[in-house]
């Protein structure tokens, strides 16, 4: 599949998200991406091999059901710059 969309969410906790929506200067950058269209047979270990970390991210979650994944993953980067670099590299790319 292709990554035809990466969606960004603030890395802050849920209670402060509403406050951030009203005051963008509180955001501090978008660091979490939702990656869609992950091939269903990929495992989290395969993603770790595909997306070399090297300190760029601190959280990767690939939800699964049975033997397959749900075709999306969440990845949280240590900075907005790392998140945007990943998005630039992988947006609309095939795995």
PDB file of N, CA and C in Angstrom:
ATOM      1  N   UNK A   1       0.817  -1.192   0.000  1.00  0.00           N
ATOM      2  CA  UNK A   1       0.000   0.000   0.000  1.00  0.00           C
ATOM      3  C   UNK A   1       0.855   1.248   0.000  1.00  0.00           C
ATOM      4  N   UNK A   2       0.210   2.349  -0.211  1.00  0.00           N
ATOM      5  CA  UNK A   2       0.900   3.637  -0.208  1.00  0.00           C
ATOM      6  C   UNK A   2       0.542   4.414   1.043  1.00  0.00           C
ATOM      7  N   UNK A   3       1.452   5.290   1.442  1.00  0.00           N
ATOM      8  CA  UNK A   3       1.179   6.237   2.521  1.00  0.00           C
ATOM      9  C   UNK A   3       0.600   7.471   1.854  1.00  0.00           C
ATOM     10  N   UNK A   4      -0.716   7.521   1.694  1.00  0.00           N
ATOM     11  CA  UNK A   4      -1.224   8.698   1.028  1.00  0.00           C
ATOM     12  C   UNK A   4      -1.675   9.760   2.009  1.00  0.00           C
ATOM     13  N   UNK A   5      -1.436   9.533   3.294  1.00  0.00           N
ATOM     14  CA  UNK A   5      -1.735  10.587   4.256  1.00  0.00           C
ATOM     15  C   UNK A   5      -1.003  10.334   5.551  1.00  0.00           C
ATOM     16  N   UNK A   6      -0.445  11.363   6.112  1.00  0.00           N
ATOM     17  CA  UNK A   6       0.094  11.345   7.460  1.00  0.00           C
ATOM     18  C   UNK A   6      -0.620  12.453   8.196  1.00  0.00           C
ATOM     19  N   UNK A   7      -1.254  12.095   9.301  1.00  0.00           N
ATOM     20  CA  UNK A   7      -1.976  13.097  10.064  1.00  0.00           C
ATOM     21  C   UNK A   7      -1.188  13.405  11.316  1.00  0.00           C
ATOM     22  N   UNK A   8      -1.136  14.672  11.705  1.00  0.00           N
ATOM     23  CA  UNK A   8      -0.364  15.101  12.860  1.00  0.00           C
ATOM     24  C   UNK A   8      -1.284  15.435  14.024  1.00  0.00           C
ATOM     25  N   UNK A   9      -0.842  15.080  15.228  1.00  0.00           N
ATOM     26  CA  UNK A   9      -1.571  15.400  16.454  1.00  0.00           C
ATOM     27  C   UNK A   9      -0.587  15.949  17.459  1.00  0.00           C
ATOM     28  N   UNK A  10      -1.026  16.883  18.311  1.00  0.00           N
ATOM     29  CA  UNK A  10      -0.133  17.412  19.344  1.00  0.00           C
ATOM     30  C   UNK A  10       0.324  16.295  20.277  1.00  0.00           C
ATOM     31  N   UNK A  11       1.522  16.398  20.798  1.00  0.00           N
ATOM     32  CA  UNK A  11       2.037  15.376  21.696  1.00  0.00           C
ATOM     33  C   UNK A  11       1.625  15.616  23.142  1.00  0.00           C
ATOM     34  N   UNK A  12       0.870  16.650  23.406  1.00  0.00           N
ATOM     35  CA  UNK A  12       0.428  16.978  24.764  1.00  0.00           C
ATOM     36  C   UNK A  12      -0.689  16.039  25.199  1.00  0.00           C
ATOM     37  N   UNK A  13      -0.990  16.004  26.504  1.00  0.00           N
ATOM     38  CA  UNK A  13      -2.070  15.150  26.980  1.00  0.00           C
ATOM     39  C   UNK A  13      -3.428  15.700  26.549  1.00  0.00           C
ATOM     40  N   UNK A  14      -4.439  14.846  26.615  1.00  0.00           N
ATOM     41  CA  UNK A  14      -5.759  15.175  26.071  1.00  0.00           C
ATOM     42  C   UNK A  14      -6.389  16.407  26.720  1.00  0.00           C
ATOM     43  N   UNK A  15      -6.176  16.594  28.026  1.00  0.00           N
ATOM     44  CA  UNK A  15      -6.810  17.722  28.707  1.00  0.00           C
ATOM     45  C   UNK A  15      -6.316  19.073  28.192  1.00  0.00           C
ATOM     46  N   UNK A  16      -5.086  19.134  27.725  1.00  0.00           N
ATOM     47  CA  UNK A  16      -4.566  20.412  27.235  1.00  0.00           C
ATOM     48  C   UNK A  16      -4.773  20.592  25.734  1.00  0.00           C
ATOM     49  N   UNK A  17      -5.245  19.556  25.043  1.00  0.00           N
ATOM     50  CA  UNK A  17      -5.442  19.667  23.601  1.00  0.00           C
ATOM     51  C   UNK A  17      -6.492  20.725  23.258  1.00  0.00           C
ATOM     52  N   UNK A  18      -7.589  20.762  23.990  1.00  0.00           N
ATOM     53  CA  UNK A  18      -8.618  21.761  23.703  1.00  0.00           C
ATOM     54  C   UNK A  18      -8.069  23.172  23.910  1.00  0.00           C
ATOM     55  N   UNK A  19      -7.285  23.353  24.961  1.00  0.00           N
ATOM     56  CA  UNK A  19      -6.687  24.662  25.220  1.00  0.00           C
ATOM     57  C   UNK A  19      -5.758  25.049  24.069  1.00  0.00           C
ATOM     58  N   UNK A  20      -5.028  24.087  23.543  1.00  0.00           N
ATOM     59  CA  UNK A  20      -4.102  24.361  22.448  1.00  0.00           C
ATOM     60  C   UNK A  20      -4.838  24.745  21.173  1.00  0.00           C
ATOM     61  N   UNK A  21      -6.011  24.150  20.954  1.00  0.00           N
ATOM     62  CA  UNK A  21      -6.770  24.482  19.759  1.00  0.00           C
ATOM     63  C   UNK A  21      -7.157  25.960  19.750  1.00  0.00           C
ATOM     64  N   UNK A  22      -7.366  26.505  20.931  1.00  0.00           N
ATOM     65  CA  UNK A  22      -7.757  27.912  21.037  1.00  0.00           C
ATOM     66  C   UNK A  22      -6.556  28.849  21.085  1.00  0.00           C
ATOM     67  N   UNK A  23      -5.376  28.327  21.372  1.00  0.00           N
ATOM     68  CA  UNK A  23      -4.182  29.148  21.469  1.00  0.00           C
ATOM     69  C   UNK A  23      -3.003  28.391  20.838  1.00  0.00           C
ATOM     70  N   UNK A  24      -2.825  28.485  19.509  1.00  0.00           N
ATOM     71  CA  UNK A  24      -1.788  27.714  18.815  1.00  0.00           C
ATOM     72  C   UNK A  24      -0.374  27.934  19.328  1.00  0.00           C
ATOM     73  N   UNK A  25      -0.101  29.060  20.003  1.00  0.00           N
ATOM     74  CA  UNK A  25       1.259  29.293  20.492  1.00  0.00           C
ATOM     75  C   UNK A  25       1.624  28.325  21.605  1.00  0.00           C
ATOM     76  N   UNK A  26       0.637  27.664  22.232  1.00  0.00           N
ATOM     77  CA  UNK A  26       0.912  26.698  23.285  1.00  0.00           C
ATOM     78  C   UNK A  26       1.326  25.338  22.730  1.00  0.00           C
ATOM     79  N   UNK A  27       1.139  25.114  21.460  1.00  0.00           N
ATOM     80  CA  UNK A  27       1.332  23.779  20.889  1.00  0.00           C
ATOM     81  C   UNK A  27       2.754  23.258  20.996  1.00  0.00           C
ATOM     82  N   UNK A  28       3.736  24.037  20.647  1.00  0.00           N
ATOM     83  CA  UNK A  28       5.101  23.560  20.689  1.00  0.00           C
ATOM     84  C   UNK A  28       5.441  22.602  19.557  1.00  0.00           C
ATOM     85  N   UNK A  29       4.596  22.486  18.571  1.00  0.00           N
ATOM     86  CA  UNK A  29       4.876  21.656  17.411  1.00  0.00           C
ATOM     87  C   UNK A  29       4.128  20.340  17.397  1.00  0.00           C
ATOM     88  N   UNK A  30       3.940  19.832  16.205  1.00  0.00           N
ATOM     89  CA  UNK A  30       3.290  18.545  16.000  1.00  0.00           C
ATOM     90  C   UNK A  30       4.368  17.478  15.914  1.00  0.00           C
ATOM     91  N   UNK A  31       4.288  16.479  16.768  1.00  0.00           N
ATOM     92  CA  UNK A  31       5.323  15.447  16.786  1.00  0.00           C
ATOM     93  C   UNK A  31       4.788  14.045  16.522  1.00  0.00           C
ATOM     94  N   UNK A  32       3.474  13.859  16.493  1.00  0.00           N
ATOM     95  CA  UNK A  32       2.897  12.527  16.299  1.00  0.00           C
ATOM     96  C   UNK A  32       2.251  12.421  14.929  1.00  0.00           C
ATOM     97  N   UNK A  33       2.605  11.364  14.205  1.00  0.00           N
ATOM     98  CA  UNK A  33       2.024  11.115  12.896  1.00  0.00           C
ATOM     99  C   UNK A  33       1.230   9.820  12.917  1.00  0.00           C
ATOM    100  N   UNK A  34       0.122   9.811  12.184  1.00  0.00           N
ATOM    101  CA  UNK A  34      -0.610   8.584  11.905  1.00  0.00           C
ATOM    102  C   UNK A  34      -0.273   8.220  10.468  1.00  0.00           C
ATOM    103  N   UNK A  35       0.303   7.038  10.279  1.00  0.00           N
ATOM    104  CA  UNK A  35       0.686   6.585   8.948  1.00  0.00           C
ATOM    105  C   UNK A  35      -0.349   5.564   8.499  1.00  0.00           C
ATOM    106  N   UNK A  36      -0.971   5.831   7.364  1.00  0.00           N
ATOM    107  CA  UNK A  36      -2.001   4.937   6.838  1.00  0.00           C
ATOM    108  C   UNK A  36      -1.433   4.063   5.730  1.00  0.00           C
ATOM    109  N   UNK A  37      -2.193   3.011   5.407  1.00  0.00           N
ATOM    110  CA  UNK A  37      -1.860   2.086   4.320  1.00  0.00           C
ATOM    111  C   UNK A  37      -0.567   1.310   4.551  1.00  0.00           C
ATOM    112  N   UNK A  38      -0.324   0.952   5.803  1.00  0.00           N
ATOM    113  CA  UNK A  38       0.788   0.050   6.114  1.00  0.00           C
ATOM    114  C   UNK A  38       0.368  -1.334   5.603  1.00  0.00           C
ATOM    115  N   UNK A  39       1.216  -2.028   4.855  1.00  0.00           N
ATOM    116  CA  UNK A  39       0.848  -3.370   4.389  1.00  0.00           C
ATOM    117  C   UNK A  39       0.424  -4.262   5.566  1.00  0.00           C
ATOM    118  N   UNK A  40      -0.701  -4.957   5.419  1.00  0.00           N
ATOM    119  CA  UNK A  40      -1.314  -5.673   6.538  1.00  0.00           C
ATOM    120  C   UNK A  40      -0.446  -6.792   7.115  1.00  0.00           C
ATOM    121  N   UNK A  41       0.478  -7.313   6.354  1.00  0.00           N
ATOM    122  CA  UNK A  41       1.325  -8.393   6.872  1.00  0.00           C
ATOM    123  C   UNK A  41       2.542  -7.865   7.640  1.00  0.00           C
ATOM    124  N   UNK A  42       2.771  -6.551   7.630  1.00  0.00           N
ATOM    125  CA  UNK A  42       3.895  -5.982   8.371  1.00  0.00           C
ATOM    126  C   UNK A  42       3.674  -6.166   9.872  1.00  0.00           C
ATOM    127  N   UNK A  43       4.779  -6.428  10.569  1.00  0.00           N
ATOM    128  CA  UNK A  43       4.760  -6.460  12.031  1.00  0.00           C
ATOM    129  C   UNK A  43       5.442  -5.192  12.535  1.00  0.00           C
ATOM    130  N   UNK A  44       5.323  -4.953  13.829  1.00  0.00           N
ATOM    131  CA  UNK A  44       5.984  -3.787  14.399  1.00  0.00           C
ATOM    132  C   UNK A  44       7.501  -3.922  14.239  1.00  0.00           C
ATOM    133  N   UNK A  45       8.011  -5.137  14.359  1.00  0.00           N
ATOM    134  CA  UNK A  45       9.446  -5.367  14.182  1.00  0.00           C
ATOM    135  C   UNK A  45       9.887  -5.024  12.758  1.00  0.00           C
ATOM    136  N   UNK A  46       9.048  -5.356  11.768  1.00  0.00           N
ATOM    137  CA  UNK A  46       9.371  -5.024  10.377  1.00  0.00           C
ATOM    138  C   UNK A  46       9.391  -3.511  10.177  1.00  0.00           C
ATOM    139  N   UNK A  47       8.453  -2.789  10.823  1.00  0.00           N
ATOM    140  CA  UNK A  47       8.457  -1.327  10.722  1.00  0.00           C
ATOM    141  C   UNK A  47       9.715  -0.748  11.353  1.00  0.00           C
ATOM    142  N   UNK A  48      10.144  -1.310  12.470  1.00  0.00           N
ATOM    143  CA  UNK A  48      11.369  -0.826  13.110  1.00  0.00           C
ATOM    144  C   UNK A  48      12.578  -0.996  12.197  1.00  0.00           C
ATOM    145  N   UNK A  49      12.592  -2.056  11.402  1.00  0.00           N
ATOM    146  CA  UNK A  49      13.673  -2.244  10.438  1.00  0.00           C
ATOM    147  C   UNK A  49      13.542  -1.286   9.254  1.00  0.00           C
ATOM    148  N   UNK A  50      12.308  -1.059   8.804  1.00  0.00           N
ATOM    149  CA  UNK A  50      12.043  -0.178   7.659  1.00  0.00           C
ATOM    150  C   UNK A  50      12.299   1.295   8.014  1.00  0.00           C
ATOM    151  N   UNK A  51      11.839   1.686   9.204  1.00  0.00           N
ATOM    152  CA  UNK A  51      11.964   3.075   9.655  1.00  0.00           C
ATOM    153  C   UNK A  51      13.059   3.140  10.715  1.00  0.00           C
ATOM    154  N   UNK A  52      14.293   3.232  10.280  1.00  0.00           N
ATOM    155  CA  UNK A  52      15.432   3.293  11.206  1.00  0.00           C
ATOM    156  C   UNK A  52      15.230   4.436  12.186  1.00  0.00           C
ATOM    157  N   UNK A  53      15.433   4.161  13.471  1.00  0.00           N
ATOM    158  CA  UNK A  53      15.140   5.159  14.490  1.00  0.00           C
ATOM    159  C   UNK A  53      16.269   6.165  14.656  1.00  0.00           C
ATOM    160  N   UNK A  54      17.429   5.749  15.085  1.00  0.00           N
ATOM    161  CA  UNK A  54      18.571   6.633  15.302  1.00  0.00           C
ATOM    162  C   UNK A  54      18.221   7.833  16.184  1.00  0.00           C
ATOM    163  N   UNK A  55      17.325   7.617  17.147  1.00  0.00           N
ATOM    164  CA  UNK A  55      16.956   8.663  18.094  1.00  0.00           C
ATOM    165  C   UNK A  55      15.894   9.635  17.616  1.00  0.00           C
ATOM    166  N   UNK A  56      15.320   9.426  16.434  1.00  0.00           N
ATOM    167  CA  UNK A  56      14.344  10.367  15.879  1.00  0.00           C
ATOM    168  C   UNK A  56      12.960  10.234  16.501  1.00  0.00           C
ATOM    169  N   UNK A  57      12.597   9.022  16.930  1.00  0.00           N
ATOM    170  CA  UNK A  57      11.277   8.836  17.537  1.00  0.00           C
ATOM    171  C   UNK A  57      11.377   8.025  18.814  1.00  0.00           C
ATOM    172  N   UNK A  58      10.355   8.223  19.677  1.00  0.00           N
ATOM    173  CA  UNK A  58      10.360   7.549  20.972  1.00  0.00           C
ATOM    174  C   UNK A  58       9.158   6.635  21.176  1.00  0.00           C
ATOM    175  N   UNK A  59       8.277   6.534  20.175  1.00  0.00           N
ATOM    176  CA  UNK A  59       7.095   5.685  20.309  1.00  0.00           C
ATOM    177  C   UNK A  59       6.634   5.254  18.923  1.00  0.00           C
ATOM    178  N   UNK A  60       6.362   3.954  18.785  1.00  0.00           N
ATOM    179  CA  UNK A  60       5.815   3.405  17.553  1.00  0.00           C
ATOM    180  C   UNK A  60       4.768   2.382  17.943  1.00  0.00           C
ATOM    181  N   UNK A  61       3.553   2.517  17.387  1.00  0.00           N
ATOM    182  CA  UNK A  61       2.471   1.584  17.699  1.00  0.00           C
ATOM    183  C   UNK A  61       1.791   1.156  16.411  1.00  0.00           C
ATOM    184  N   UNK A  62       1.733  -0.154  16.200  1.00  0.00           N
ATOM    185  CA  UNK A  62       1.069  -0.745  15.051  1.00  0.00           C
ATOM    186  C   UNK A  62      -0.020  -1.668  15.581  1.00  0.00           C
ATOM    187  N   UNK A  63      -1.282  -1.214  15.615  1.00  0.00           N
ATOM    188  CA  UNK A  63      -2.357  -2.066  16.139  1.00  0.00           C
ATOM    189  C   UNK A  63      -2.542  -3.311  15.277  1.00  0.00           C
ATOM    190  N   UNK A  64      -2.805  -4.429  15.940  1.00  0.00           N
ATOM    191  CA  UNK A  64      -2.975  -5.709  15.242  1.00  0.00           C
ATOM    192  C   UNK A  64      -4.294  -6.344  15.648  1.00  0.00           C
ATOM    193  N   UNK A  65      -4.784  -7.186  14.752  1.00  0.00           N
ATOM    194  CA  UNK A  65      -5.911  -8.061  15.045  1.00  0.00           C
ATOM    195  C   UNK A  65      -5.563  -9.420  14.460  1.00  0.00           C
ATOM    196  N   UNK A  66      -5.388 -10.405  15.319  1.00  0.00           N
ATOM    197  CA  UNK A  66      -4.981 -11.724  14.836  1.00  0.00           C
ATOM    198  C   UNK A  66      -3.597 -11.675  14.207  1.00  0.00           C
ATOM    199  N   UNK A  67      -3.492 -12.193  12.978  1.00  0.00           N
ATOM    200  CA  UNK A  67      -2.201 -12.280  12.287  1.00  0.00           C
ATOM    201  C   UNK A  67      -1.862 -11.039  11.463  1.00  0.00           C
ATOM    202  N   UNK A  68      -2.787 -10.104  11.342  1.00  0.00           N
ATOM    203  CA  UNK A  68      -2.541  -8.923  10.506  1.00  0.00           C
ATOM    204  C   UNK A  68      -2.659  -7.642  11.318  1.00  0.00           C
ATOM    205  N   UNK A  69      -2.081  -6.570  10.771  1.00  0.00           N
ATOM    206  CA  UNK A  69      -2.235  -5.265  11.420  1.00  0.00           C
ATOM    207  C   UNK A  69      -3.465  -4.574  10.843  1.00  0.00           C
ATOM    208  N   UNK A  70      -3.818  -3.433  11.406  1.00  0.00           N
ATOM    209  CA  UNK A  70      -5.009  -2.698  10.979  1.00  0.00           C
ATOM    210  C   UNK A  70      -4.716  -1.686   9.881  1.00  0.00           C
ATOM    211  N   UNK A  71      -3.532  -1.750   9.291  1.00  0.00           N
ATOM    212  CA  UNK A  71      -3.129  -0.940   8.143  1.00  0.00           C
ATOM    213  C   UNK A  71      -2.806   0.516   8.490  1.00  0.00           C
ATOM    214  N   UNK A  72      -2.587   0.795   9.770  1.00  0.00           N
ATOM    215  CA  UNK A  72      -2.138   2.132  10.160  1.00  0.00           C
ATOM    216  C   UNK A  72      -1.220   2.012  11.367  1.00  0.00           C
ATOM    217  N   UNK A  73      -0.394   3.030  11.575  1.00  0.00           N
ATOM    218  CA  UNK A  73       0.531   3.057  12.706  1.00  0.00           C
ATOM    219  C   UNK A  73       0.612   4.481  13.245  1.00  0.00           C
ATOM    220  N   UNK A  74       0.958   4.596  14.506  1.00  0.00           N
ATOM    221  CA  UNK A  74       1.223   5.887  15.135  1.00  0.00           C
ATOM    222  C   UNK A  74       2.696   5.933  15.488  1.00  0.00           C
ATOM    223  N   UNK A  75       3.307   7.070  15.208  1.00  0.00           N
ATOM    224  CA  UNK A  75       4.723   7.239  15.511  1.00  0.00           C
ATOM    225  C   UNK A  75       4.924   8.642  16.087  1.00  0.00           C
ATOM    226  N   UNK A  76       5.573   8.704  17.251  1.00  0.00           N
ATOM    227  CA  UNK A  76       5.823   9.990  17.905  1.00  0.00           C
ATOM    228  C   UNK A  76       7.307  10.314  17.828  1.00  0.00           C
ATOM    229  N   UNK A  77       7.588  11.492  17.315  1.00  0.00           N
ATOM    230  CA  UNK A  77       8.968  11.937  17.125  1.00  0.00           C
ATOM    231  C   UNK A  77       9.405  12.835  18.264  1.00  0.00           C
ATOM    232  N   UNK A  78      10.703  12.937  18.452  1.00  0.00           N
ATOM    233  CA  UNK A  78      11.251  13.748  19.538  1.00  0.00           C
ATOM    234  C   UNK A  78      11.182  15.238  19.226  1.00  0.00           C
ATOM    235  N   UNK A  79      10.949  15.588  17.966  1.00  0.00           N
ATOM    236  CA  UNK A  79      10.806  16.999  17.595  1.00  0.00           C
ATOM    237  C   UNK A  79       9.910  17.112  16.364  1.00  0.00           C
ATOM    238  N   UNK A  80       9.375  18.288  16.165  1.00  0.00           N
ATOM    239  CA  UNK A  80       8.563  18.535  14.976  1.00  0.00           C
ATOM    240  C   UNK A  80       9.411  18.398  13.707  1.00  0.00           C
ATOM    241  N   UNK A  81      10.669  18.802  13.781  1.00  0.00           N
ATOM    242  CA  UNK A  81      11.561  18.695  12.616  1.00  0.00           C
ATOM    243  C   UNK A  81      11.737  17.237  12.191  1.00  0.00           C
ATOM    244  N   UNK A  82      11.897  16.324  13.161  1.00  0.00           N
ATOM    245  CA  UNK A  82      12.008  14.900  12.841  1.00  0.00           C
ATOM    246  C   UNK A  82      10.719  14.391  12.207  1.00  0.00           C
ATOM    247  N   UNK A  83       9.566  14.819  12.742  1.00  0.00           N
ATOM    248  CA  UNK A  83       8.270  14.384  12.195  1.00  0.00           C
ATOM    249  C   UNK A  83       8.099  14.862  10.758  1.00  0.00           C
ATOM    250  N   UNK A  84       8.448  16.111  10.490  1.00  0.00           N
ATOM    251  CA  UNK A  84       8.286  16.654   9.143  1.00  0.00           C
ATOM    252  C   UNK A  84       9.280  16.009   8.158  1.00  0.00           C
ATOM    253  N   UNK A  85      10.482  15.678   8.629  1.00  0.00           N
ATOM    254  CA  UNK A  85      11.459  14.997   7.774  1.00  0.00           C
ATOM    255  C   UNK A  85      10.957  13.604   7.402  1.00  0.00           C
ATOM    256  N   UNK A  86      10.371  12.890   8.375  1.00  0.00           N
ATOM    257  CA  UNK A  86       9.803  11.568   8.105  1.00  0.00           C
ATOM    258  C   UNK A  86       8.653  11.682   7.110  1.00  0.00           C
ATOM    259  N   UNK A  87       7.795  12.656   7.323  1.00  0.00           N
ATOM    260  CA  UNK A  87       6.660  12.854   6.417  1.00  0.00           C
ATOM    261  C   UNK A  87       7.151  13.161   5.005  1.00  0.00           C
ATOM    262  N   UNK A  88       8.157  14.009   4.886  1.00  0.00           N
ATOM    263  CA  UNK A  88       8.697  14.352   3.563  1.00  0.00           C
ATOM    264  C   UNK A  88       9.291  13.122   2.879  1.00  0.00           C
ATOM    265  N   UNK A  89       9.919  12.245   3.657  1.00  0.00           N
ATOM    266  CA  UNK A  89      10.553  11.055   3.084  1.00  0.00           C
ATOM    267  C   UNK A  89       9.535   9.986   2.702  1.00  0.00           C
ATOM    268  N   UNK A  90       8.463   9.805   3.486  1.00  0.00           N
ATOM    269  CA  UNK A  90       7.573   8.660   3.311  1.00  0.00           C
ATOM    270  C   UNK A  90       6.217   8.981   2.709  1.00  0.00           C
ATOM    271  N   UNK A  91       5.805  10.235   2.669  1.00  0.00           N
ATOM    272  CA  UNK A  91       4.476  10.559   2.133  1.00  0.00           C
ATOM    273  C   UNK A  91       4.356  10.097   0.684  1.00  0.00           C
ATOM    274  N   UNK A  92       3.324   9.300   0.401  1.00  0.00           N
ATOM    275  CA  UNK A  92       3.033   8.756  -0.934  1.00  0.00           C
ATOM    276  C   UNK A  92       4.093   7.787  -1.443  1.00  0.00           C
ATOM    277  N   UNK A  93       4.862   7.191  -0.530  1.00  0.00           N
ATOM    278  CA  UNK A  93       5.881   6.204  -0.909  1.00  0.00           C
ATOM    279  C   UNK A  93       5.348   4.798  -0.596  1.00  0.00           C
ATOM    280  N   UNK A  94       5.757   3.839  -1.422  1.00  0.00           N
ATOM    281  CA  UNK A  94       5.387   2.443  -1.193  1.00  0.00           C
ATOM    282  C   UNK A  94       6.403   1.794  -0.266  1.00  0.00           C
ATOM    283  N   UNK A  95       5.912   0.883   0.556  1.00  0.00           N
ATOM    284  CA  UNK A  95       6.799   0.126   1.444  1.00  0.00           C
ATOM    285  C   UNK A  95       7.141  -1.193   0.790  1.00  0.00           C
TER     286      UNK A  95
END
